[in-house]
Amino acid sequence: MTNSAPRRHLPTSPFRPAPAPQIKRFAVGDRVSHDEYGLGRAIAVEGELAVLVDFGSRQVRITAPFAKLFLL
């Protein structure tokens, strides 16, 4: 049985709360790697919402949270 909800941190707990996830930020011209599409270059950035990436054979708009997209 798995629970997908994050655990809440009690104020009386002796343990530190889990750190907040880092927001990935990309800029035009950044070299990126995608688990499915491979290597590419960011050609347009829509704030923190989406990135348009040119992978050579195709252009793909990838939306946040960018789980499979990594900055090189």
C-alpha atoms as a PDB file:
ATOM      1  CA  MET A   1       0.000   0.000   0.000  1.00  0.00           C
ATOM      2  CA  THR A   2       1.483   3.310  -1.063  1.00  0.00           C
ATOM      3  CA  ASN A   3       0.488   6.785  -0.036  1.00  0.00           C
ATOM      4  CA  SER A   4       1.234   9.483  -2.593  1.00  0.00           C
ATOM      5  CA  ALA A   5       0.437  12.364  -0.241  1.00  0.00           C
ATOM      6  CA  PRO A   6       3.494  14.057   1.286  1.00  0.00           C
ATOM      7  CA  ARG A   7       3.986  13.636   4.995  1.00  0.00           C
ATOM      8  CA  ARG A   8       3.273  16.688   7.053  1.00  0.00           C
ATOM      9  CA  HIS A   9       5.836  17.949   9.495  1.00  0.00           C
ATOM     10  CA  LEU A  10       4.721  18.281  13.096  1.00  0.00           C
ATOM     11  CA  PRO A  11       6.092  21.296  14.999  1.00  0.00           C
ATOM     12  CA  THR A  12       7.053  19.050  17.935  1.00  0.00           C
ATOM     13  CA  SER A  13       9.066  16.660  15.751  1.00  0.00           C
ATOM     14  CA  PRO A  14      12.801  16.389  16.502  1.00  0.00           C
ATOM     15  CA  PHE A  15      13.493  15.890  12.774  1.00  0.00           C
ATOM     16  CA  ARG A  16      13.910  18.643  10.202  1.00  0.00           C
ATOM     17  CA  PRO A  17      11.203  19.054   7.561  1.00  0.00           C
ATOM     18  CA  ALA A  18      11.924  17.831   4.049  1.00  0.00           C
ATOM     19  CA  PRO A  19      13.513  20.551   1.890  1.00  0.00           C
ATOM     20  CA  ALA A  20      11.312  22.193  -0.735  1.00  0.00           C
ATOM     21  CA  PRO A  21      11.975  20.881  -4.262  1.00  0.00           C
ATOM     22  CA  GLN A  22      14.215  23.079  -6.420  1.00  0.00           C
ATOM     23  CA  ILE A  23      12.483  24.807  -9.331  1.00  0.00           C
ATOM     24  CA  LYS A  24      14.313  24.108 -12.576  1.00  0.00           C
ATOM     25  CA  ARG A  25      15.034  27.261 -14.601  1.00  0.00           C
ATOM     26  CA  PHE A  26      16.125  27.291 -18.213  1.00  0.00           C
ATOM     27  CA  ALA A  27      17.331  30.049 -20.544  1.00  0.00           C
ATOM     28  CA  VAL A  28      17.329  30.356 -24.319  1.00  0.00           C
ATOM     29  CA  GLY A  29      20.402  28.601 -25.697  1.00  0.00           C
ATOM     30  CA  ASP A  30      20.823  26.146 -22.804  1.00  0.00           C
ATOM     31  CA  ARG A  31      21.917  22.646 -23.765  1.00  0.00           C
ATOM     32  CA  VAL A  32      19.543  20.091 -22.257  1.00  0.00           C
ATOM     33  CA  SER A  33      19.029  16.364 -22.083  1.00  0.00           C
ATOM     34  CA  HIS A  34      15.643  14.642 -22.065  1.00  0.00           C
ATOM     35  CA  ASP A  35      15.098  11.010 -21.066  1.00  0.00           C
ATOM     36  CA  GLU A  36      12.881  10.312 -24.086  1.00  0.00           C
ATOM     37  CA  TYR A  37      14.061  12.736 -26.812  1.00  0.00           C
ATOM     38  CA  GLY A  38      17.815  12.945 -26.115  1.00  0.00           C
ATOM     39  CA  LEU A  39      20.058  16.007 -26.459  1.00  0.00           C
ATOM     40  CA  GLY A  40      18.666  19.374 -27.462  1.00  0.00           C
ATOM     41  CA  ARG A  41      18.857  23.147 -27.119  1.00  0.00           C
ATOM     42  CA  ALA A  42      16.265  25.444 -25.530  1.00  0.00           C
ATOM     43  CA  ILE A  43      14.969  27.842 -28.193  1.00  0.00           C
ATOM     44  CA  ALA A  44      12.152  29.525 -26.214  1.00  0.00           C
ATOM     45  CA  VAL A  45      11.270  29.822 -22.539  1.00  0.00           C
ATOM     46  CA  GLU A  46       7.787  30.605 -21.236  1.00  0.00           C
ATOM     47  CA  GLY A  47       8.714  31.705 -17.715  1.00  0.00           C
ATOM     48  CA  GLU A  48       8.536  28.781 -15.306  1.00  0.00           C
ATOM     49  CA  LEU A  49       5.676  27.153 -17.240  1.00  0.00           C
ATOM     50  CA  ALA A  50       7.241  25.618 -20.345  1.00  0.00           C
ATOM     51  CA  VAL A  51      10.364  25.325 -22.501  1.00  0.00           C
ATOM     52  CA  LEU A  52      10.467  24.828 -26.267  1.00  0.00           C
ATOM     53  CA  VAL A  53      13.390  22.542 -27.097  1.00  0.00           C
ATOM     54  CA  ASP A  54      14.915  21.777 -30.505  1.00  0.00           C
ATOM     55  CA  PHE A  55      16.081  18.158 -30.609  1.00  0.00           C
ATOM     56  CA  GLY A  56      17.297  18.320 -34.218  1.00  0.00           C
ATOM     57  CA  SER A  57      14.597  16.163 -35.802  1.00  0.00           C
ATOM     58  CA  ARG A  58      11.734  17.772 -33.871  1.00  0.00           C
ATOM     59  CA  GLN A  59      10.781  20.654 -31.630  1.00  0.00           C
ATOM     60  CA  VAL A  60       8.969  19.790 -28.412  1.00  0.00           C
ATOM     61  CA  ARG A  61       7.225  22.037 -25.868  1.00  0.00           C
ATOM     62  CA  ILE A  62       7.937  20.609 -22.422  1.00  0.00           C
ATOM     63  CA  THR A  63       5.844  21.847 -19.518  1.00  0.00           C
ATOM     64  CA  ALA A  64       6.696  22.160 -15.835  1.00  0.00           C
ATOM     65  CA  PRO A  65       7.714  20.385 -13.579  1.00  0.00           C
ATOM     66  CA  PHE A  66      10.358  19.274 -16.152  1.00  0.00           C
ATOM     67  CA  ALA A  67      10.800  15.843 -14.532  1.00  0.00           C
ATOM     68  CA  LYS A  68      12.652  14.320 -17.516  1.00  0.00           C
ATOM     69  CA  LEU A  69      14.536  17.465 -18.626  1.00  0.00           C
ATOM     70  CA  PHE A  70      18.035  18.166 -17.313  1.00  0.00           C
ATOM     71  CA  LEU A  71      20.416  21.066 -17.854  1.00  0.00           C
ATOM     72  CA  LEU A  72      23.852  20.107 -19.218  1.00  0.00           C
END
